[in-house]
PDB file of all heavy atoms in Angstrom:
ATOM      1  N   VAL A   1      74.782  88.853-170.687  1.00  0.00           N
ATOM      2  CA  VAL A   1      73.393  89.087-170.479  1.00  0.00           C
ATOM      3  C   VAL A   1      72.984  90.434-170.710  1.00  0.00           C
ATOM      4  O   VAL A   1      72.005  90.855-171.325  1.00  0.00           O
ATOM      5  CB  VAL A   1      72.982  88.608-169.008  1.00  0.00           C
ATOM      6  CG1 VAL A   1      71.573  89.105-168.665  1.00  0.00           C
ATOM      7  CG2 VAL A   1      73.016  87.059-168.979  1.00  0.00           C
ATOM      8  N   THR A   2      73.769  91.452-170.232  1.00  0.00           N
ATOM      9  CA  THR A   2      73.570  92.853-170.365  1.00  0.00           C
ATOM     10  C   THR A   2      73.602  93.291-171.856  1.00  0.00           C
ATOM     11  O   THR A   2      72.647  93.982-172.374  1.00  0.00           O
ATOM     12  CB  THR A   2      74.546  93.751-169.549  1.00  0.00           C
ATOM     13  OG1 THR A   2      74.596  93.313-168.219  1.00  0.00           O
ATOM     14  CG2 THR A   2      74.262  95.239-169.785  1.00  0.00           C
ATOM     15  N   VAL A   3      74.613  92.791-172.658  1.00  0.00           N
ATOM     16  CA  VAL A   3      74.628  93.126-173.984  1.00  0.00           C
ATOM     17  C   VAL A   3      73.420  92.507-174.792  1.00  0.00           C
ATOM     18  O   VAL A   3      72.728  93.245-175.515  1.00  0.00           O
ATOM     19  CB  VAL A   3      75.941  92.686-174.657  1.00  0.00           C
ATOM     20  CG1 VAL A   3      75.998  92.783-176.158  1.00  0.00           C
ATOM     21  CG2 VAL A   3      77.109  93.436-174.049  1.00  0.00           C
ATOM     22  N   LEU A   4      73.032  91.312-174.467  1.00  0.00           N
ATOM     23  CA  LEU A   4      71.917  90.670-175.196  1.00  0.00           C
ATOM     24  C   LEU A   4      70.608  91.361-174.832  1.00  0.00           C
ATOM     25  O   LEU A   4      69.731  91.458-175.594  1.00  0.00           O
ATOM     26  CB  LEU A   4      71.896  89.129-174.883  1.00  0.00           C
ATOM     27  CG  LEU A   4      73.035  88.326-175.525  1.00  0.00           C
ATOM     28  CD1 LEU A   4      72.924  86.951-174.945  1.00  0.00           C
ATOM     29  CD2 LEU A   4      72.949  88.353-176.977  1.00  0.00           C
ATOM     30  N   HIS A   5      70.563  91.771-173.495  1.00  0.00           N
ATOM     31  CA  HIS A   5      69.338  92.505-173.072  1.00  0.00           C
ATOM     32  C   HIS A   5      69.191  93.808-173.872  1.00  0.00           C
ATOM     33  O   HIS A   5      68.075  94.081-174.389  1.00  0.00           O
ATOM     34  CB  HIS A   5      69.518  92.908-171.613  1.00  0.00           C
ATOM     35  CG  HIS A   5      68.409  93.734-170.962  1.00  0.00           C
ATOM     36  ND1 HIS A   5      67.520  93.167-170.135  1.00  0.00           N
ATOM     37  CD2 HIS A   5      68.189  95.014-171.108  1.00  0.00           C
ATOM     38  CE1 HIS A   5      66.577  94.058-169.786  1.00  0.00           C
ATOM     39  NE2 HIS A   5      67.019  95.251-170.288  1.00  0.00           N
ATOM     40  N   GLU A   6      70.224  94.630-174.012  1.00  0.00           N
ATOM     41  CA  GLU A   6      70.212  95.856-174.826  1.00  0.00           C
ATOM     42  C   GLU A   6      69.874  95.598-176.293  1.00  0.00           C
ATOM     43  O   GLU A   6      69.176  96.321-176.943  1.00  0.00           O
ATOM     44  CB  GLU A   6      71.424  96.639-174.614  1.00  0.00           C
ATOM     45  CG  GLU A   6      71.711  97.037-173.152  1.00  0.00           C
ATOM     46  CD  GLU A   6      70.498  97.633-172.414  1.00  0.00           C
ATOM     47  OE1 GLU A   6      69.666  98.320-173.016  1.00  0.00           O
ATOM     48  OE2 GLU A   6      70.431  97.480-171.132  1.00  0.00           O
ATOM     49  N   ILE A   7      70.531  94.510-176.873  1.00  0.00           N
ATOM     50  CA  ILE A   7      70.209  94.150-178.301  1.00  0.00           C
ATOM     51  C   ILE A   7      68.726  93.774-178.423  1.00  0.00           C
ATOM     52  O   ILE A   7      68.043  94.082-179.384  1.00  0.00           O
ATOM     53  CB  ILE A   7      71.115  92.960-178.785  1.00  0.00           C
ATOM     54  CG1 ILE A   7      72.607  93.489-178.833  1.00  0.00           C
ATOM     55  CG2 ILE A   7      70.606  92.396-180.077  1.00  0.00           C
ATOM     56  CD1 ILE A   7      73.604  92.310-179.099  1.00  0.00           C
ATOM     57  N   GLY A   8      68.155  93.203-177.368  1.00  0.00           N
ATOM     58  CA  GLY A   8      66.737  92.808-177.326  1.00  0.00           C
ATOM     59  C   GLY A   8      65.869  94.135-177.482  1.00  0.00           C
ATOM     60  O   GLY A   8      64.880  94.206-178.248  1.00  0.00           O
ATOM     61  N   HIS A   9      66.286  95.201-176.740  1.00  0.00           N
ATOM     62  CA  HIS A   9      65.530  96.394-176.875  1.00  0.00           C
ATOM     63  C   HIS A   9      65.699  96.997-178.342  1.00  0.00           C
ATOM     64  O   HIS A   9      64.677  97.577-178.907  1.00  0.00           O
ATOM     65  CB  HIS A   9      66.103  97.537-175.916  1.00  0.00           C
ATOM     66  CG  HIS A   9      65.699  97.272-174.521  1.00  0.00           C
ATOM     67  ND1 HIS A   9      64.360  96.967-174.113  1.00  0.00           N
ATOM     68  CD2 HIS A   9      66.411  97.277-173.337  1.00  0.00           C
ATOM     69  CE1 HIS A   9      64.332  96.899-172.791  1.00  0.00           C
ATOM     70  NE2 HIS A   9      65.563  97.038-172.321  1.00  0.00           N
ATOM     71  N   HIS A  10      66.829  96.820-178.965  1.00  0.00           N
ATOM     72  CA  HIS A  10      66.982  97.230-180.419  1.00  0.00           C
ATOM     73  C   HIS A  10      65.983  96.467-181.288  1.00  0.00           C
ATOM     74  O   HIS A  10      65.511  97.157-182.223  1.00  0.00           O
ATOM     75  CB  HIS A  10      68.383  96.871-180.845  1.00  0.00           C
ATOM     76  CG  HIS A  10      68.644  97.083-182.272  1.00  0.00           C
ATOM     77  ND1 HIS A  10      68.789  98.264-182.914  1.00  0.00           N
ATOM     78  CD2 HIS A  10      68.737  96.184-183.261  1.00  0.00           C
ATOM     79  CE1 HIS A  10      68.890  98.088-184.240  1.00  0.00           C
ATOM     80  NE2 HIS A  10      68.956  96.835-184.450  1.00  0.00           N
ATOM     81  N   PHE A  11      65.658  95.282-180.992  1.00  0.00           N
ATOM     82  CA  PHE A  11      64.653  94.538-181.802  1.00  0.00           C
ATOM     83  C   PHE A  11      63.351  94.624-181.270  1.00  0.00           C
ATOM     84  O   PHE A  11      62.405  93.982-181.713  1.00  0.00           O
ATOM     85  CB  PHE A  11      65.116  93.095-181.924  1.00  0.00           C
ATOM     86  CG  PHE A  11      66.250  92.847-182.781  1.00  0.00           C
ATOM     87  CD1 PHE A  11      67.561  92.591-182.268  1.00  0.00           C
ATOM     88  CD2 PHE A  11      66.138  93.053-184.178  1.00  0.00           C
ATOM     89  CE1 PHE A  11      68.647  92.482-183.223  1.00  0.00           C
ATOM     90  CE2 PHE A  11      67.204  92.864-185.087  1.00  0.00           C
ATOM     91  CZ  PHE A  11      68.454  92.622-184.538  1.00  0.00           C
ATOM     92  N   GLY A  12      63.054  95.595-180.333  1.00  0.00           N
ATOM     93  CA  GLY A  12      61.693  95.933-179.863  1.00  0.00           C
ATOM     94  C   GLY A  12      61.146  95.112-178.695  1.00  0.00           C
ATOM     95  O   GLY A  12      60.004  95.194-178.454  1.00  0.00           O
ATOM     96  N   LEU A  13      61.986  94.299-178.103  1.00  0.00           N
ATOM     97  CA  LEU A  13      61.548  93.567-176.928  1.00  0.00           C
ATOM     98  C   LEU A  13      61.465  94.504-175.700  1.00  0.00           C
ATOM     99  O   LEU A  13      62.328  95.297-175.443  1.00  0.00           O
ATOM    100  CB  LEU A  13      62.548  92.495-176.629  1.00  0.00           C
ATOM    101  CG  LEU A  13      62.635  91.391-177.760  1.00  0.00           C
ATOM    102  CD1 LEU A  13      63.624  90.310-177.271  1.00  0.00           C
ATOM    103  CD2 LEU A  13      61.359  90.671-177.931  1.00  0.00           C
ATOM    104  N   GLY A  14      60.429  94.230-174.860  1.00  0.00           N
ATOM    105  CA  GLY A  14      60.223  94.976-173.666  1.00  0.00           C
ATOM    106  C   GLY A  14      60.794  94.243-172.498  1.00  0.00           C
ATOM    107  O   GLY A  14      61.284  93.151-172.603  1.00  0.00           O
ATOM    108  N   GLU A  15      60.829  94.931-171.273  1.00  0.00           N
ATOM    109  CA  GLU A  15      61.382  94.320-170.123  1.00  0.00           C
ATOM    110  C   GLU A  15      60.833  92.979-169.752  1.00  0.00           C
ATOM    111  O   GLU A  15      61.582  92.027-169.360  1.00  0.00           O
ATOM    112  CB  GLU A  15      61.301  95.256-168.940  1.00  0.00           C
ATOM    113  CG  GLU A  15      62.111  96.584-169.044  1.00  0.00           C
ATOM    114  CD  GLU A  15      63.641  96.382-169.088  1.00  0.00           C
ATOM    115  OE1 GLU A  15      64.079  95.382-168.519  1.00  0.00           O
ATOM    116  OE2 GLU A  15      64.311  97.171-169.780  1.00  0.00           O
ATOM    117  N   GLU A  16      59.421  92.837-169.917  1.00  0.00           N
ATOM    118  CA  GLU A  16      58.834  91.539-169.600  1.00  0.00           C
ATOM    119  C   GLU A  16      59.306  90.441-170.550  1.00  0.00           C
ATOM    120  O   GLU A  16      59.598  89.338-170.058  1.00  0.00           O
ATOM    121  CB  GLU A  16      57.281  91.633-169.639  1.00  0.00           C
ATOM    122  CG  GLU A  16      56.774  92.700-168.728  1.00  0.00           C
ATOM    123  CD  GLU A  16      56.806  94.108-169.287  1.00  0.00           C
ATOM    124  OE1 GLU A  16      56.926  94.387-170.514  1.00  0.00           O
ATOM    125  OE2 GLU A  16      56.829  95.083-168.457  1.00  0.00           O
ATOM    126  N   ASP A  17      59.482  90.745-171.827  1.00  0.00           N
ATOM    127  CA  ASP A  17      59.963  89.798-172.797  1.00  0.00           C
ATOM    128  C   ASP A  17      61.369  89.356-172.472  1.00  0.00           C
ATOM    129  O   ASP A  17      61.687  88.139-172.506  1.00  0.00           O
ATOM    130  CB  ASP A  17      59.925  90.409-174.142  1.00  0.00           C
ATOM    131  CG  ASP A  17      58.541  90.850-174.666  1.00  0.00           C
ATOM    132  OD1 ASP A  17      57.604  90.100-174.480  1.00  0.00           O
ATOM    133  OD2 ASP A  17      58.452  91.883-175.312  1.00  0.00           O
ATOM    134  N   LEU A  18      62.177  90.294-172.119  1.00  0.00           N
ATOM    135  CA  LEU A  18      63.592  90.004-171.873  1.00  0.00           C
ATOM    136  C   LEU A  18      63.704  89.182-170.571  1.00  0.00           C
ATOM    137  O   LEU A  18      64.506  88.254-170.446  1.00  0.00           O
ATOM    138  CB  LEU A  18      64.382  91.305-171.759  1.00  0.00           C
ATOM    139  CG  LEU A  18      64.508  91.988-173.134  1.00  0.00           C
ATOM    140  CD1 LEU A  18      64.971  93.435-172.940  1.00  0.00           C
ATOM    141  CD2 LEU A  18      65.443  91.284-174.110  1.00  0.00           C
ATOM    142  N   GLU A  19      62.900  89.461-169.638  1.00  0.00           N
ATOM    143  CA  GLU A  19      62.949  88.718-168.377  1.00  0.00           C
ATOM    144  C   GLU A  19      62.479  87.264-168.590  1.00  0.00           C
ATOM    145  O   GLU A  19      63.144  86.354-168.148  1.00  0.00           O
ATOM    146  CB  GLU A  19      62.069  89.314-167.268  1.00  0.00           C
ATOM    147  CG  GLU A  19      62.157  88.740-165.912  1.00  0.00           C
ATOM    148  CD  GLU A  19      61.527  89.438-164.806  1.00  0.00           C
ATOM    149  OE1 GLU A  19      61.040  90.573-165.053  1.00  0.00           O
ATOM    150  OE2 GLU A  19      61.567  88.920-163.661  1.00  0.00           O
ATOM    151  N   ARG A  20      61.475  87.084-169.357  1.00  0.00           N
ATOM    152  CA  ARG A  20      60.977  85.712-169.733  1.00  0.00           C
ATOM    153  C   ARG A  20      61.992  84.976-170.435  1.00  0.00           C
ATOM    154  O   ARG A  20      62.196  83.777-170.235  1.00  0.00           O
ATOM    155  CB  ARG A  20      59.740  85.888-170.598  1.00  0.00           C
ATOM    156  CG  ARG A  20      59.082  84.579-170.873  1.00  0.00           C
ATOM    157  CD  ARG A  20      57.782  84.642-171.638  1.00  0.00           C
ATOM    158  NE  ARG A  20      57.693  85.795-172.544  1.00  0.00           N
ATOM    159  CZ  ARG A  20      58.142  85.844-173.787  1.00  0.00           C
ATOM    160  NH1 ARG A  20      58.783  84.760-174.251  1.00  0.00           N
ATOM    161  NH2 ARG A  20      58.062  86.878-174.593  1.00  0.00           N
ATOM    162  N   LEU A  21      62.885  85.665-171.243  1.00  0.00           N
ATOM    163  CA  LEU A  21      63.921  85.011-172.004  1.00  0.00           C
ATOM    164  C   LEU A  21      65.209  84.814-171.248  1.00  0.00           C
ATOM    165  O   LEU A  21      66.191  84.163-171.684  1.00  0.00           O
ATOM    166  CB  LEU A  21      64.252  85.802-173.275  1.00  0.00           C
ATOM    167  CG  LEU A  21      63.097  85.806-174.285  1.00  0.00           C
ATOM    168  CD1 LEU A  21      63.448  86.808-175.385  1.00  0.00           C
ATOM    169  CD2 LEU A  21      62.893  84.425-174.904  1.00  0.00           C
ATOM    170  N   GLY A  22      65.267  85.327-170.029  1.00  0.00           N
ATOM    171  CA  GLY A  22      66.423  85.196-169.111  1.00  0.00           C
ATOM    172  C   GLY A  22      67.437  86.211-169.359  1.00  0.00           C
ATOM    173  O   GLY A  22      68.611  86.043-168.860  1.00  0.00           O
ATOM    174  N   TYR A  23      67.069  87.344-169.878  1.00  0.00           N
ATOM    175  CA  TYR A  23      68.074  88.359-170.131  1.00  0.00           C
ATOM    176  C   TYR A  23      67.725  89.660-169.260  1.00  0.00           C
ATOM    177  O   TYR A  23      67.629  90.789-169.766  1.00  0.00           O
ATOM    178  CB  TYR A  23      68.069  88.871-171.626  1.00  0.00           C
ATOM    179  CG  TYR A  23      68.543  87.740-172.472  1.00  0.00           C
ATOM    180  CD1 TYR A  23      67.704  87.226-173.432  1.00  0.00           C
ATOM    181  CD2 TYR A  23      69.745  87.201-172.345  1.00  0.00           C
ATOM    182  CE1 TYR A  23      68.039  86.215-174.306  1.00  0.00           C
ATOM    183  CE2 TYR A  23      70.221  86.157-173.215  1.00  0.00           C
ATOM    184  CZ  TYR A  23      69.372  85.635-174.150  1.00  0.00           C
ATOM    185  OH  TYR A  23      69.766  84.591-174.937  1.00  0.00           O
ATOM    186  N   ARG A  24      67.587  89.359-167.986  1.00  0.00           N
ATOM    187  CA  ARG A  24      67.241  90.406-167.054  1.00  0.00           C
ATOM    188  C   ARG A  24      68.313  90.507-166.010  1.00  0.00           C
ATOM    189  O   ARG A  24      68.897  89.585-165.512  1.00  0.00           O
ATOM    190  CB  ARG A  24      65.916  90.112-166.412  1.00  0.00           C
ATOM    191  CG  ARG A  24      65.491  91.020-165.316  1.00  0.00           C
ATOM    192  CD  ARG A  24      64.822  92.284-165.893  1.00  0.00           C
ATOM    193  NE  ARG A  24      64.473  92.960-164.758  1.00  0.00           N
ATOM    194  CZ  ARG A  24      63.827  94.203-164.861  1.00  0.00           C
ATOM    195  NH1 ARG A  24      63.538  94.576-165.961  1.00  0.00           N
ATOM    196  NH2 ARG A  24      63.715  94.945-163.774  1.00  0.00           N
TER     197      ARG A  24
END
């Protein structure tokens, strides 16, 4: 989850987006 969360930031996702996707 942590690695996917940080990869999400690489692709421009914010904290709210990542939480909605379950990567928080």
